[in-house]
Structure formats: C-alpha cells, structure tokens
C-alpha cells in the first residue's frame, strides 16, 4: 500500500494538561494509485477500512493500558458512598 496513516491517542485532564505519553500507531492504507489499480472501489475501501480498524484497536488497547497504569500510581480516591450507606 502506498500511504501511511497515524492514529494518536492522548489523555488530558480538565485543564488540558496531558496525563500520559501519547500513543501513536501507524498503518499502511491504499493510495489513489492503489484504488485505481484495484479497479473496484469497494475492494479498495475494504482494504482501507480493515487497516484503520486494526490500527484503531491497537492504539486504543495500548493507550488504555498506559492510562490504567498511570491511574494506578495515583493516590487512591475516597470510596463513593452508596445510598444505603447514608
């Protein structure tokens, strides 16, 4: 495939400060020439969509793992009171 696509995920707090290091995943996607060579838009789009979905899944999994690791290092929050506890 002829082109590259990057998906970057980063977590920010309510003030816009970055909470974790950004996660970037790069994948190959069909170029215009690839679409022309394939000759069928649906087949070309299928290649594109599959690549994007794989990259999105990988980026989300990696970002979630990093985010959860960072959150586990922070000071524990107070437990939330349930209505029956009041």
C-alpha atoms as a PDB file:
ATOM      1  CA  UNK A   1       0.000   0.000   0.000  1.00  0.00           C
ATOM      2  CA  UNK A   2       1.184   3.460  -0.784  1.00  0.00           C
ATOM      3  CA  UNK A   3       0.146   5.801   2.018  1.00  0.00           C
ATOM      4  CA  UNK A   4       0.571   5.873   5.780  1.00  0.00           C
ATOM      5  CA  UNK A   5      -1.953   6.885   8.396  1.00  0.00           C
ATOM      6  CA  UNK A   6      -1.193   7.750  12.008  1.00  0.00           C
ATOM      7  CA  UNK A   7      -3.595   7.462  14.895  1.00  0.00           C
ATOM      8  CA  UNK A   8      -2.531   9.263  18.072  1.00  0.00           C
ATOM      9  CA  UNK A   9      -4.307   8.977  21.404  1.00  0.00           C
ATOM     10  CA  UNK A  10      -3.514  11.124  24.417  1.00  0.00           C
ATOM     11  CA  UNK A  11      -5.337  11.704  27.669  1.00  0.00           C
ATOM     12  CA  UNK A  12      -5.811  15.226  29.031  1.00  0.00           C
ATOM     13  CA  UNK A  13      -7.231  16.448  32.306  1.00  0.00           C
ATOM     14  CA  UNK A  14      -9.945  19.098  32.539  1.00  0.00           C
ATOM     15  CA  UNK A  15      -7.276  21.835  32.310  1.00  0.00           C
ATOM     16  CA  UNK A  16      -5.827  20.434  29.095  1.00  0.00           C
ATOM     17  CA  UNK A  17      -2.691  19.025  30.735  1.00  0.00           C
ATOM     18  CA  UNK A  18      -1.547  15.770  29.180  1.00  0.00           C
ATOM     19  CA  UNK A  19      -1.973  12.898  31.655  1.00  0.00           C
ATOM     20  CA  UNK A  20       0.046  10.222  29.811  1.00  0.00           C
ATOM     21  CA  UNK A  21       2.529   9.968  26.987  1.00  0.00           C
ATOM     22  CA  UNK A  22       0.691   9.974  23.633  1.00  0.00           C
ATOM     23  CA  UNK A  23       0.352   6.626  21.876  1.00  0.00           C
ATOM     24  CA  UNK A  24       0.841   6.679  18.107  1.00  0.00           C
ATOM     25  CA  UNK A  25       0.145   3.786  15.765  1.00  0.00           C
ATOM     26  CA  UNK A  26       0.996   3.949  12.077  1.00  0.00           C
ATOM     27  CA  UNK A  27      -0.542   1.774   9.384  1.00  0.00           C
ATOM     28  CA  UNK A  28      -0.465   1.414   5.609  1.00  0.00           C
ATOM     29  CA  UNK A  29      -3.555   2.487   3.679  1.00  0.00           C
ATOM     30  CA  UNK A  30      -4.262   2.332  -0.058  1.00  0.00           C
ATOM     31  CA  UNK A  31      -3.147   5.327  -2.092  1.00  0.00           C
ATOM     32  CA  UNK A  32      -5.062   6.790  -5.008  1.00  0.00           C
ATOM     33  CA  UNK A  33      -2.929   4.651  -7.317  1.00  0.00           C
ATOM     34  CA  UNK A  34      -3.827   1.545  -5.312  1.00  0.00           C
ATOM     35  CA  UNK A  35      -7.531   2.306  -5.705  1.00  0.00           C
ATOM     36  CA  UNK A  36      -7.034   2.726  -9.461  1.00  0.00           C
ATOM     37  CA  UNK A  37      -5.025  -0.496  -9.733  1.00  0.00           C
ATOM     38  CA  UNK A  38      -7.620  -2.497  -7.778  1.00  0.00           C
ATOM     39  CA  UNK A  39     -10.293  -1.093 -10.070  1.00  0.00           C
ATOM     40  CA  UNK A  40     -13.102  -1.728  -7.618  1.00  0.00           C
ATOM     41  CA  UNK A  41     -13.859   0.947  -5.037  1.00  0.00           C
ATOM     42  CA  UNK A  42     -15.445  -1.493  -2.591  1.00  0.00           C
ATOM     43  CA  UNK A  43     -12.383  -3.734  -2.529  1.00  0.00           C
ATOM     44  CA  UNK A  44     -10.085  -0.737  -2.094  1.00  0.00           C
ATOM     45  CA  UNK A  45     -12.242   0.687   0.659  1.00  0.00           C
ATOM     46  CA  UNK A  46     -12.345  -2.712   2.371  1.00  0.00           C
ATOM     47  CA  UNK A  47      -8.524  -2.750   2.478  1.00  0.00           C
ATOM     48  CA  UNK A  48      -8.547   0.791   3.864  1.00  0.00           C
ATOM     49  CA  UNK A  49     -11.189   0.075   6.479  1.00  0.00           C
ATOM     50  CA  UNK A  50      -9.539  -3.117   7.722  1.00  0.00           C
ATOM     51  CA  UNK A  51      -6.192  -1.343   8.155  1.00  0.00           C
ATOM     52  CA  UNK A  52      -7.826   1.543  10.029  1.00  0.00           C
ATOM     53  CA  UNK A  53      -9.795  -0.748  12.333  1.00  0.00           C
ATOM     54  CA  UNK A  54      -6.691  -2.778  13.215  1.00  0.00           C
ATOM     55  CA  UNK A  55      -4.710   0.410  13.929  1.00  0.00           C
ATOM     56  CA  UNK A  56      -7.530   1.910  15.999  1.00  0.00           C
ATOM     57  CA  UNK A  57      -7.827  -1.270  18.060  1.00  0.00           C
ATOM     58  CA  UNK A  58      -4.079  -1.418  18.674  1.00  0.00           C
ATOM     59  CA  UNK A  59      -3.889   2.278  19.597  1.00  0.00           C
ATOM     60  CA  UNK A  60      -6.879   2.015  21.944  1.00  0.00           C
ATOM     61  CA  UNK A  61      -5.527  -1.074  23.693  1.00  0.00           C
ATOM     62  CA  UNK A  62      -2.071   0.424  24.170  1.00  0.00           C
ATOM     63  CA  UNK A  63      -3.424   3.796  25.320  1.00  0.00           C
ATOM     64  CA  UNK A  64      -5.821   2.162  27.775  1.00  0.00           C
ATOM     65  CA  UNK A  65      -3.042   0.025  29.250  1.00  0.00           C
ATOM     66  CA  UNK A  66      -0.803   3.070  29.734  1.00  0.00           C
ATOM     67  CA  UNK A  67      -3.676   5.149  31.161  1.00  0.00           C
ATOM     68  CA  UNK A  68      -4.649   2.444  33.662  1.00  0.00           C
ATOM     69  CA  UNK A  69      -1.019   2.015  34.740  1.00  0.00           C
ATOM     70  CA  UNK A  70      -0.723   5.778  35.317  1.00  0.00           C
ATOM     71  CA  UNK A  71      -4.014   5.900  37.236  1.00  0.00           C
ATOM     72  CA  UNK A  72      -2.914   3.020  39.474  1.00  0.00           C
ATOM     73  CA  UNK A  73       0.113   5.088  40.559  1.00  0.00           C
ATOM     74  CA  UNK A  74      -2.030   7.993  41.770  1.00  0.00           C
ATOM     75  CA  UNK A  75      -3.353   8.442  45.302  1.00  0.00           C
ATOM     76  CA  UNK A  76      -6.496   6.341  45.810  1.00  0.00           C
ATOM     77  CA  UNK A  77      -9.787   8.190  45.779  1.00  0.00           C
ATOM     78  CA  UNK A  78     -12.252   8.110  48.674  1.00  0.00           C
ATOM     79  CA  UNK A  79     -14.827   5.375  48.237  1.00  0.00           C
ATOM     80  CA  UNK A  80     -18.144   6.518  46.835  1.00  0.00           C
ATOM     81  CA  UNK A  81     -20.970   6.232  49.334  1.00  0.00           C
ATOM     82  CA  UNK A  82     -23.884   4.172  48.185  1.00  0.00           C
ATOM     83  CA  UNK A  83     -27.388   5.472  49.011  1.00  0.00           C
ATOM     84  CA  UNK A  84     -27.955   2.652  51.535  1.00  0.00           C
ATOM     85  CA  UNK A  85     -24.789   3.726  53.423  1.00  0.00           C
ATOM     86  CA  UNK A  86     -26.303   7.089  54.341  1.00  0.00           C
END
